[in-house]
Amino acid sequence: MNTGTYPNLNVPPQVAAAPLNAGDKANLTGRIASAQSRQAASGRGAGTTGDPAWVKKLTENHGKDTLEAIEAQ
């Protein structure tokens, strides 16, 4: 809709959430580090992208499978 006027760009945007304080940041950083160490200890996620041949095969098959799933809809 054209009102013939320019929009007011001087209106400050509304903040979606309050910024993290130092305590929240430290808590989240600790939780992330803990999760990373648990995952590394369990062996999950290790070696998933280290083999270029495996990644290439995965992308070729995934693309074909995804295309077939889209066309089946």
C-alpha atoms as a PDB file:
ATOM      1  CA  MET A   1       0.000   0.000   0.000  1.00  0.00           C
ATOM      2  CA  ASN A   2       1.450   3.354  -1.002  1.00  0.00           C
ATOM      3  CA  THR A   3       0.607   6.089   1.523  1.00  0.00           C
ATOM      4  CA  GLY A   4       2.661   8.716  -0.266  1.00  0.00           C
ATOM      5  CA  THR A   5       4.910   9.257   2.758  1.00  0.00           C
ATOM      6  CA  TYR A   6       8.224   7.850   3.875  1.00  0.00           C
ATOM      7  CA  PRO A   7       8.329   5.488   6.871  1.00  0.00           C
ATOM      8  CA  ASN A   8       9.719   6.799  10.151  1.00  0.00           C
ATOM      9  CA  LEU A   9      13.123   5.114  10.449  1.00  0.00           C
ATOM     10  CA  ASN A  10      13.938   6.825  13.751  1.00  0.00           C
ATOM     11  CA  VAL A  11      11.834   4.442  15.834  1.00  0.00           C
ATOM     12  CA  PRO A  12      14.141   2.212  17.916  1.00  0.00           C
ATOM     13  CA  PRO A  13      13.561  -1.519  17.394  1.00  0.00           C
ATOM     14  CA  GLN A  14      12.029  -3.573  20.196  1.00  0.00           C
ATOM     15  CA  VAL A  15      14.442  -5.886  21.986  1.00  0.00           C
ATOM     16  CA  ALA A  16      13.453  -9.552  21.661  1.00  0.00           C
ATOM     17  CA  ALA A  17      15.214 -10.651  24.844  1.00  0.00           C
ATOM     18  CA  ALA A  18      17.417  -9.192  27.514  1.00  0.00           C
ATOM     19  CA  PRO A  19      21.154  -9.542  26.834  1.00  0.00           C
ATOM     20  CA  LEU A  20      23.122 -12.154  28.762  1.00  0.00           C
ATOM     21  CA  ASN A  21      24.928 -10.962  31.838  1.00  0.00           C
ATOM     22  CA  ALA A  22      28.355 -12.257  32.862  1.00  0.00           C
ATOM     23  CA  GLY A  23      26.881 -14.898  35.189  1.00  0.00           C
ATOM     24  CA  ASP A  24      24.566 -16.296  32.509  1.00  0.00           C
ATOM     25  CA  LYS A  25      27.424 -16.368  30.015  1.00  0.00           C
ATOM     26  CA  ALA A  26      29.684 -18.247  32.424  1.00  0.00           C
ATOM     27  CA  ASN A  27      26.898 -20.734  33.212  1.00  0.00           C
ATOM     28  CA  LEU A  28      26.180 -21.443  29.540  1.00  0.00           C
ATOM     29  CA  THR A  29      29.870 -21.684  28.687  1.00  0.00           C
ATOM     30  CA  GLY A  30      30.327 -24.245  31.443  1.00  0.00           C
ATOM     31  CA  ARG A  31      27.325 -26.269  30.290  1.00  0.00           C
ATOM     32  CA  ILE A  32      28.624 -26.296  26.713  1.00  0.00           C
ATOM     33  CA  ALA A  33      32.108 -27.371  27.781  1.00  0.00           C
ATOM     34  CA  SER A  34      30.612 -30.130  29.922  1.00  0.00           C
ATOM     35  CA  ALA A  35      28.456 -31.397  27.060  1.00  0.00           C
ATOM     36  CA  GLN A  36      31.438 -31.337  24.695  1.00  0.00           C
ATOM     37  CA  SER A  37      33.580 -33.351  27.082  1.00  0.00           C
ATOM     38  CA  ARG A  38      30.779 -35.918  27.649  1.00  0.00           C
ATOM     39  CA  GLN A  39      30.315 -36.294  23.903  1.00  0.00           C
ATOM     40  CA  ALA A  40      34.049 -36.668  23.289  1.00  0.00           C
ATOM     41  CA  ALA A  41      34.297 -39.277  26.057  1.00  0.00           C
ATOM     42  CA  SER A  42      31.446 -41.306  24.578  1.00  0.00           C
ATOM     43  CA  GLY A  43      33.019 -41.259  21.102  1.00  0.00           C
ATOM     44  CA  ARG A  44      29.906 -39.843  19.464  1.00  0.00           C
ATOM     45  CA  GLY A  45      30.568 -37.379  16.685  1.00  0.00           C
ATOM     46  CA  ALA A  46      34.156 -38.488  16.261  1.00  0.00           C
ATOM     47  CA  GLY A  47      35.290 -39.095  12.699  1.00  0.00           C
ATOM     48  CA  THR A  48      32.065 -38.040  11.035  1.00  0.00           C
ATOM     49  CA  THR A  49      33.719 -35.639   8.598  1.00  0.00           C
ATOM     50  CA  GLY A  50      37.269 -36.960   8.472  1.00  0.00           C
ATOM     51  CA  ASP A  51      36.863 -39.189   5.411  1.00  0.00           C
ATOM     52  CA  PRO A  52      36.349 -37.185   2.194  1.00  0.00           C
ATOM     53  CA  ALA A  53      35.294 -40.266   0.217  1.00  0.00           C
ATOM     54  CA  TRP A  54      32.593 -41.063   2.774  1.00  0.00           C
ATOM     55  CA  VAL A  55      31.328 -37.467   2.732  1.00  0.00           C
ATOM     56  CA  LYS A  56      31.186 -37.456  -1.075  1.00  0.00           C
ATOM     57  CA  LYS A  57      29.269 -40.747  -1.117  1.00  0.00           C
ATOM     58  CA  LEU A  58      26.879 -39.416   1.534  1.00  0.00           C
ATOM     59  CA  THR A  59      26.143 -36.257  -0.447  1.00  0.00           C
ATOM     60  CA  GLU A  60      25.534 -38.185  -3.655  1.00  0.00           C
ATOM     61  CA  ASN A  61      23.127 -40.610  -1.990  1.00  0.00           C
ATOM     62  CA  HIS A  62      21.436 -38.000   0.169  1.00  0.00           C
ATOM     63  CA  GLY A  63      20.735 -35.752  -2.811  1.00  0.00           C
ATOM     64  CA  LYS A  64      19.197 -38.592  -4.807  1.00  0.00           C
ATOM     65  CA  ASP A  65      17.136 -39.827  -1.870  1.00  0.00           C
ATOM     66  CA  THR A  66      15.898 -36.341  -1.059  1.00  0.00           C
ATOM     67  CA  LEU A  67      14.909 -35.688  -4.663  1.00  0.00           C
ATOM     68  CA  GLU A  68      12.971 -38.963  -4.776  1.00  0.00           C
ATOM     69  CA  ALA A  69      11.177 -38.061  -1.526  1.00  0.00           C
ATOM     70  CA  ILE A  70      10.227 -34.635  -2.892  1.00  0.00           C
ATOM     71  CA  GLU A  71       8.991 -36.047  -6.186  1.00  0.00           C
ATOM     72  CA  ALA A  72       6.906 -38.682  -4.358  1.00  0.00           C
ATOM     73  CA  GLN A  73       4.838 -36.006  -2.646  1.00  0.00           C
END
